[in-house]
Structure formats: C-alpha cells, structure tokens
C-alpha cells in the first residue's frame, strides 16, 4: 500500500459529495480524505497498488484540478 497526496480544487462539501462515488468506485483505493482547511485542499489517498494515474484520471474526469505533491 502507498499513500499519495494531491493538491486539488475540491473546496467544499458539495465538491466532496460529487467526488465520493468517483473515488469509492476505484478498485485500488483503500481510503481517501480531503483537507478542506488546508490552502491547497489536499486529497490524501491510500492505494493498494502504484496506479496513481487512476486517481489523476478519475478526479480530472470528474471536473476537478489535481496535481501530485
């Protein structure tokens, strides 16, 4: 397992509601959370494997900006 952090523009509870089904449906995601208090709106994801591109693609396709830290 690996944990990866990303800078995002997920900035509110409505955004989290939108992204929840996207991240929950990824097979390699064990855990995720967004720190809305952090200025960079950090998305922290724990993965079963090293397929970080799955996270980048899923979040981008949902309409959010995402950059690995």
PDB file of N, CA and C in Angstrom:
ATOM      1  N   UNK A   1       0.832  -1.186   0.000  1.00  0.00           N
ATOM      2  CA  UNK A   1       0.000   0.000   0.000  1.00  0.00           C
ATOM      3  C   UNK A   1       0.872   1.243   0.000  1.00  0.00           C
ATOM      4  N   UNK A   2       0.394   2.259  -0.671  1.00  0.00           N
ATOM      5  CA  UNK A   2       1.076   3.551  -0.667  1.00  0.00           C
ATOM      6  C   UNK A   2       0.050   4.655  -0.402  1.00  0.00           C
ATOM      7  N   UNK A   3       0.520   5.733   0.170  1.00  0.00           N
ATOM      8  CA  UNK A   3      -0.323   6.909   0.381  1.00  0.00           C
ATOM      9  C   UNK A   3       0.236   8.045  -0.451  1.00  0.00           C
ATOM     10  N   UNK A   4      -0.639   8.686  -1.201  1.00  0.00           N
ATOM     11  CA  UNK A   4      -0.250   9.768  -2.104  1.00  0.00           C
ATOM     12  C   UNK A   4      -1.083  10.995  -1.764  1.00  0.00           C
ATOM     13  N   UNK A   5      -0.458  12.174  -1.864  1.00  0.00           N
ATOM     14  CA  UNK A   5      -1.165  13.430  -1.615  1.00  0.00           C
ATOM     15  C   UNK A   5      -1.188  14.266  -2.887  1.00  0.00           C
ATOM     16  N   UNK A   6      -2.330  14.934  -3.069  1.00  0.00           N
ATOM     17  CA  UNK A   6      -2.539  15.753  -4.254  1.00  0.00           C
ATOM     18  C   UNK A   6      -3.083  17.123  -3.865  1.00  0.00           C
ATOM     19  N   UNK A   7      -2.665  18.137  -4.595  1.00  0.00           N
ATOM     20  CA  UNK A   7      -3.283  19.469  -4.497  1.00  0.00           C
ATOM     21  C   UNK A   7      -4.492  19.434  -5.415  1.00  0.00           C
ATOM     22  N   UNK A   8      -5.627  19.971  -4.924  1.00  0.00           N
ATOM     23  CA  UNK A   8      -6.849  19.947  -5.726  1.00  0.00           C
ATOM     24  C   UNK A   8      -7.591  21.280  -5.624  1.00  0.00           C
ATOM     25  N   UNK A   9      -8.677  21.357  -6.349  1.00  0.00           N
ATOM     26  CA  UNK A   9      -9.596  22.477  -6.186  1.00  0.00           C
ATOM     27  C   UNK A   9     -10.937  21.981  -5.618  1.00  0.00           C
ATOM     28  N   UNK A  10     -10.900  20.877  -4.887  1.00  0.00           N
ATOM     29  CA  UNK A  10     -12.063  20.352  -4.168  1.00  0.00           C
ATOM     30  C   UNK A  10     -12.176  21.202  -2.907  1.00  0.00           C
ATOM     31  N   UNK A  11     -13.090  22.162  -2.907  1.00  0.00           N
ATOM     32  CA  UNK A  11     -13.061  23.182  -1.871  1.00  0.00           C
ATOM     33  C   UNK A  11     -14.255  23.223  -0.923  1.00  0.00           C
ATOM     34  N   UNK A  12     -15.241  22.321  -1.104  1.00  0.00           N
ATOM     35  CA  UNK A  12     -16.426  22.393  -0.243  1.00  0.00           C
ATOM     36  C   UNK A  12     -17.064  21.014  -0.097  1.00  0.00           C
ATOM     37  N   UNK A  13     -18.037  20.927   0.777  1.00  0.00           N
ATOM     38  CA  UNK A  13     -18.721  19.650   0.997  1.00  0.00           C
ATOM     39  C   UNK A  13     -19.487  19.183  -0.236  1.00  0.00           C
ATOM     40  N   UNK A  14     -19.974  20.110  -1.035  1.00  0.00           N
ATOM     41  CA  UNK A  14     -20.651  19.746  -2.272  1.00  0.00           C
ATOM     42  C   UNK A  14     -19.673  19.081  -3.252  1.00  0.00           C
ATOM     43  N   UNK A  15     -18.457  19.600  -3.294  1.00  0.00           N
ATOM     44  CA  UNK A  15     -17.416  19.001  -4.140  1.00  0.00           C
ATOM     45  C   UNK A  15     -17.100  17.584  -3.648  1.00  0.00           C
ATOM     46  N   UNK A  16     -17.005  17.431  -2.337  1.00  0.00           N
ATOM     47  CA  UNK A  16     -16.723  16.110  -1.775  1.00  0.00           C
ATOM     48  C   UNK A  16     -17.864  15.153  -2.112  1.00  0.00           C
ATOM     49  N   UNK A  17     -19.091  15.629  -2.047  1.00  0.00           N
ATOM     50  CA  UNK A  17     -20.241  14.802  -2.409  1.00  0.00           C
ATOM     51  C   UNK A  17     -20.148  14.363  -3.867  1.00  0.00           C
ATOM     52  N   UNK A  18     -19.670  15.239  -4.728  1.00  0.00           N
ATOM     53  CA  UNK A  18     -19.520  14.914  -6.156  1.00  0.00           C
ATOM     54  C   UNK A  18     -18.414  13.904  -6.411  1.00  0.00           C
ATOM     55  N   UNK A  19     -17.337  14.014  -5.677  1.00  0.00           N
ATOM     56  CA  UNK A  19     -16.174  13.156  -5.933  1.00  0.00           C
ATOM     57  C   UNK A  19     -16.260  11.812  -5.201  1.00  0.00           C
ATOM     58  N   UNK A  20     -17.107  11.719  -4.194  1.00  0.00           N
ATOM     59  CA  UNK A  20     -17.207  10.488  -3.397  1.00  0.00           C
ATOM     60  C   UNK A  20     -17.486   9.247  -4.240  1.00  0.00           C
ATOM     61  N   UNK A  21     -18.515   9.224  -5.078  1.00  0.00           N
ATOM     62  CA  UNK A  21     -18.735   7.998  -5.855  1.00  0.00           C
ATOM     63  C   UNK A  21     -17.601   7.689  -6.825  1.00  0.00           C
ATOM     64  N   UNK A  22     -16.953   8.714  -7.329  1.00  0.00           N
ATOM     65  CA  UNK A  22     -15.840   8.526  -8.267  1.00  0.00           C
ATOM     66  C   UNK A  22     -14.699   7.785  -7.579  1.00  0.00           C
ATOM     67  N   UNK A  23     -14.292   8.270  -6.404  1.00  0.00           N
ATOM     68  CA  UNK A  23     -13.172   7.648  -5.696  1.00  0.00           C
ATOM     69  C   UNK A  23     -13.568   6.317  -5.066  1.00  0.00           C
ATOM     70  N   UNK A  24     -14.789   6.218  -4.570  1.00  0.00           N
ATOM     71  CA  UNK A  24     -15.226   4.965  -3.942  1.00  0.00           C
ATOM     72  C   UNK A  24     -15.357   3.824  -4.938  1.00  0.00           C
ATOM     73  N   UNK A  25     -15.543   4.139  -6.211  1.00  0.00           N
ATOM     74  CA  UNK A  25     -15.684   3.097  -7.230  1.00  0.00           C
ATOM     75  C   UNK A  25     -14.359   2.609  -7.807  1.00  0.00           C
ATOM     76  N   UNK A  26     -13.253   3.224  -7.409  1.00  0.00           N
ATOM     77  CA  UNK A  26     -11.943   2.759  -7.878  1.00  0.00           C
ATOM     78  C   UNK A  26     -11.504   1.566  -7.034  1.00  0.00           C
ATOM     79  N   UNK A  27     -11.145   0.482  -7.706  1.00  0.00           N
ATOM     80  CA  UNK A  27     -10.781  -0.756  -7.015  1.00  0.00           C
ATOM     81  C   UNK A  27      -9.527  -0.641  -6.173  1.00  0.00           C
ATOM     82  N   UNK A  28      -8.595   0.199  -6.573  1.00  0.00           N
ATOM     83  CA  UNK A  28      -7.311   0.251  -5.880  1.00  0.00           C
ATOM     84  C   UNK A  28      -7.275   1.257  -4.729  1.00  0.00           C
ATOM     85  N   UNK A  29      -8.389   1.928  -4.431  1.00  0.00           N
ATOM     86  CA  UNK A  29      -8.435   2.919  -3.356  1.00  0.00           C
ATOM     87  C   UNK A  29      -8.928   2.261  -2.068  1.00  0.00           C
ATOM     88  N   UNK A  30      -8.095   2.319  -1.030  1.00  0.00           N
ATOM     89  CA  UNK A  30      -8.490   1.801   0.287  1.00  0.00           C
ATOM     90  C   UNK A  30      -9.117   2.882   1.152  1.00  0.00           C
ATOM     91  N   UNK A  31      -8.577   4.097   1.067  1.00  0.00           N
ATOM     92  CA  UNK A  31      -9.001   5.191   1.930  1.00  0.00           C
ATOM     93  C   UNK A  31      -8.688   6.499   1.226  1.00  0.00           C
ATOM     94  N   UNK A  32      -9.531   7.494   1.453  1.00  0.00           N
ATOM     95  CA  UNK A  32      -9.243   8.829   0.932  1.00  0.00           C
ATOM     96  C   UNK A  32      -9.903   9.863   1.824  1.00  0.00           C
ATOM     97  N   UNK A  33      -9.332  11.073   1.812  1.00  0.00           N
ATOM     98  CA  UNK A  33      -9.914  12.199   2.526  1.00  0.00           C
ATOM     99  C   UNK A  33      -9.405  13.481   1.891  1.00  0.00           C
ATOM    100  N   UNK A  34     -10.176  14.550   2.077  1.00  0.00           N
ATOM    101  CA  UNK A  34      -9.788  15.868   1.579  1.00  0.00           C
ATOM    102  C   UNK A  34      -9.695  16.802   2.774  1.00  0.00           C
ATOM    103  N   UNK A  35      -8.585  17.510   2.875  1.00  0.00           N
ATOM    104  CA  UNK A  35      -8.395  18.503   3.934  1.00  0.00           C
ATOM    105  C   UNK A  35      -8.850  19.858   3.393  1.00  0.00           C
ATOM    106  N   UNK A  36     -10.105  20.200   3.688  1.00  0.00           N
ATOM    107  CA  UNK A  36     -10.665  21.465   3.206  1.00  0.00           C
ATOM    108  C   UNK A  36     -10.075  22.674   3.913  1.00  0.00           C
ATOM    109  N   UNK A  37      -9.459  22.467   5.067  1.00  0.00           N
ATOM    110  CA  UNK A  37      -8.861  23.565   5.826  1.00  0.00           C
ATOM    111  C   UNK A  37      -7.497  23.979   5.271  1.00  0.00           C
ATOM    112  N   UNK A  38      -6.833  23.077   4.605  1.00  0.00           N
ATOM    113  CA  UNK A  38      -5.517  23.366   4.025  1.00  0.00           C
ATOM    114  C   UNK A  38      -5.692  24.267   2.803  1.00  0.00           C
ATOM    115  N   UNK A  39      -4.832  25.261   2.627  1.00  0.00           N
ATOM    116  CA  UNK A  39      -4.961  26.171   1.472  1.00  0.00           C
ATOM    117  C   UNK A  39      -4.912  25.461   0.114  1.00  0.00           C
ATOM    118  N   UNK A  40      -4.213  24.315   0.052  1.00  0.00           N
ATOM    119  CA  UNK A  40      -4.096  23.570  -1.203  1.00  0.00           C
ATOM    120  C   UNK A  40      -5.148  22.477  -1.348  1.00  0.00           C
ATOM    121  N   UNK A  41      -6.101  22.409  -0.405  1.00  0.00           N
ATOM    122  CA  UNK A  41      -7.195  21.420  -0.462  1.00  0.00           C
ATOM    123  C   UNK A  41      -6.648  20.030  -0.766  1.00  0.00           C
ATOM    124  N   UNK A  42      -5.855  19.514   0.143  1.00  0.00           N
ATOM    125  CA  UNK A  42      -5.105  18.277  -0.057  1.00  0.00           C
ATOM    126  C   UNK A  42      -6.012  17.057  -0.063  1.00  0.00           C
ATOM    127  N   UNK A  43      -5.916  16.280  -1.134  1.00  0.00           N
ATOM    128  CA  UNK A  43      -6.566  14.976  -1.239  1.00  0.00           C
ATOM    129  C   UNK A  43      -5.501  13.938  -0.896  1.00  0.00           C
ATOM    130  N   UNK A  44      -5.760  13.154   0.134  1.00  0.00           N
ATOM    131  CA  UNK A  44      -4.848  12.080   0.545  1.00  0.00           C
ATOM    132  C   UNK A  44      -5.519  10.755   0.213  1.00  0.00           C
ATOM    133  N   UNK A  45      -4.803   9.904  -0.513  1.00  0.00           N
ATOM    134  CA  UNK A  45      -5.360   8.635  -0.969  1.00  0.00           C
ATOM    135  C   UNK A  45      -4.408   7.503  -0.613  1.00  0.00           C
ATOM    136  N   UNK A  46      -4.945   6.434  -0.041  1.00  0.00           N
ATOM    137  CA  UNK A  46      -4.176   5.218   0.213  1.00  0.00           C
ATOM    138  C   UNK A  46      -4.582   4.201  -0.848  1.00  0.00           C
ATOM    139  N   UNK A  47      -3.575   3.719  -1.580  1.00  0.00           N
ATOM    140  CA  UNK A  47      -3.790   2.814  -2.709  1.00  0.00           C
ATOM    141  C   UNK A  47      -3.268   1.414  -2.422  1.00  0.00           C
ATOM    142  N   UNK A  48      -3.920   0.421  -3.023  1.00  0.00           N
ATOM    143  CA  UNK A  48      -3.461  -0.975  -2.951  1.00  0.00           C
ATOM    144  C   UNK A  48      -2.244  -1.208  -3.832  1.00  0.00           C
ATOM    145  N   UNK A  49      -2.105  -0.397  -4.856  1.00  0.00           N
ATOM    146  CA  UNK A  49      -1.038  -0.588  -5.837  1.00  0.00           C
ATOM    147  C   UNK A  49      -0.393   0.763  -6.141  1.00  0.00           C
ATOM    148  N   UNK A  50       0.364   0.819  -7.201  1.00  0.00           N
ATOM    149  CA  UNK A  50       1.069   2.057  -7.554  1.00  0.00           C
ATOM    150  C   UNK A  50       0.430   2.754  -8.758  1.00  0.00           C
ATOM    151  N   UNK A  51      -0.844   2.493  -9.029  1.00  0.00           N
ATOM    152  CA  UNK A  51      -1.525   3.083 -10.185  1.00  0.00           C
ATOM    153  C   UNK A  51      -2.085   4.460  -9.833  1.00  0.00           C
ATOM    154  N   UNK A  52      -1.167   5.399  -9.612  1.00  0.00           N
ATOM    155  CA  UNK A  52      -1.569   6.756  -9.261  1.00  0.00           C
ATOM    156  C   UNK A  52      -2.310   7.451 -10.395  1.00  0.00           C
ATOM    157  N   UNK A  53      -2.056   7.023 -11.627  1.00  0.00           N
ATOM    158  CA  UNK A  53      -2.725   7.650 -12.761  1.00  0.00           C
ATOM    159  C   UNK A  53      -4.239   7.428 -12.715  1.00  0.00           C
ATOM    160  N   UNK A  54      -4.687   6.348 -12.053  1.00  0.00           N
ATOM    161  CA  UNK A  54      -6.130   6.118 -11.908  1.00  0.00           C
ATOM    162  C   UNK A  54      -6.787   7.259 -11.130  1.00  0.00           C
ATOM    163  N   UNK A  55      -6.115   7.718 -10.093  1.00  0.00           N
ATOM    164  CA  UNK A  55      -6.637   8.817  -9.280  1.00  0.00           C
ATOM    165  C   UNK A  55      -6.639  10.107 -10.099  1.00  0.00           C
ATOM    166  N   UNK A  56      -5.523  10.396 -10.735  1.00  0.00           N
ATOM    167  CA  UNK A  56      -5.415  11.610 -11.549  1.00  0.00           C
ATOM    168  C   UNK A  56      -6.494  11.654 -12.627  1.00  0.00           C
ATOM    169  N   UNK A  57      -6.686  10.554 -13.319  1.00  0.00           N
ATOM    170  CA  UNK A  57      -7.681  10.500 -14.390  1.00  0.00           C
ATOM    171  C   UNK A  57      -9.103  10.624 -13.849  1.00  0.00           C
ATOM    172  N   UNK A  58      -9.407   9.906 -12.780  1.00  0.00           N
ATOM    173  CA  UNK A  58     -10.769   9.911 -12.230  1.00  0.00           C
ATOM    174  C   UNK A  58     -11.157  11.296 -11.725  1.00  0.00           C
ATOM    175  N   UNK A  59     -10.264  11.944 -10.991  1.00  0.00           N
ATOM    176  CA  UNK A  59     -10.570  13.264 -10.441  1.00  0.00           C
ATOM    177  C   UNK A  59     -10.652  14.300 -11.559  1.00  0.00           C
ATOM    178  N   UNK A  60      -9.738  14.233 -12.502  1.00  0.00           N
ATOM    179  CA  UNK A  60      -9.774  15.157 -13.653  1.00  0.00           C
ATOM    180  C   UNK A  60     -11.046  14.976 -14.471  1.00  0.00           C
ATOM    181  N   UNK A  61     -11.421  13.727 -14.712  1.00  0.00           N
ATOM    182  CA  UNK A  61     -12.636  13.444 -15.498  1.00  0.00           C
ATOM    183  C   UNK A  61     -13.900  13.885 -14.778  1.00  0.00           C
ATOM    184  N   UNK A  62     -13.823  13.996 -13.457  1.00  0.00           N
ATOM    185  CA  UNK A  62     -14.966  14.483 -12.670  1.00  0.00           C
ATOM    186  C   UNK A  62     -15.045  16.001 -12.687  1.00  0.00           C
ATOM    187  N   UNK A  63     -14.049  16.645 -13.304  1.00  0.00           N
ATOM    188  CA  UNK A  63     -14.094  18.096 -13.465  1.00  0.00           C
ATOM    189  C   UNK A  63     -13.276  18.887 -12.455  1.00  0.00           C
ATOM    190  N   UNK A  64     -12.409  18.213 -11.724  1.00  0.00           N
ATOM    191  CA  UNK A  64     -11.589  18.897 -10.719  1.00  0.00           C
ATOM    192  C   UNK A  64     -10.136  18.943 -11.181  1.00  0.00           C
ATOM    193  N   UNK A  65      -9.420  19.956 -10.697  1.00  0.00           N
ATOM    194  CA  UNK A  65      -7.991  20.042 -10.951  1.00  0.00           C
ATOM    195  C   UNK A  65      -7.280  19.225  -9.890  1.00  0.00           C
ATOM    196  N   UNK A  66      -6.197  18.552 -10.291  1.00  0.00           N
ATOM    197  CA  UNK A  66      -5.446  17.719  -9.375  1.00  0.00           C
ATOM    198  C   UNK A  66      -3.995  17.667  -9.803  1.00  0.00           C
ATOM    199  N   UNK A  67      -3.084  17.803  -8.828  1.00  0.00           N
ATOM    200  CA  UNK A  67      -1.649  17.751  -9.068  1.00  0.00           C
ATOM    201  C   UNK A  67      -1.004  16.967  -7.939  1.00  0.00           C
ATOM    202  N   UNK A  68      -0.184  15.991  -8.305  1.00  0.00           N
ATOM    203  CA  UNK A  68       0.506  15.222  -7.269  1.00  0.00           C
ATOM    204  C   UNK A  68       1.513  16.105  -6.554  1.00  0.00           C
ATOM    205  N   UNK A  69       1.622  15.927  -5.264  1.00  0.00           N
ATOM    206  CA  UNK A  69       2.571  16.706  -4.466  1.00  0.00           C
ATOM    207  C   UNK A  69       3.896  15.974  -4.360  1.00  0.00           C
TER     208      UNK A  69
END
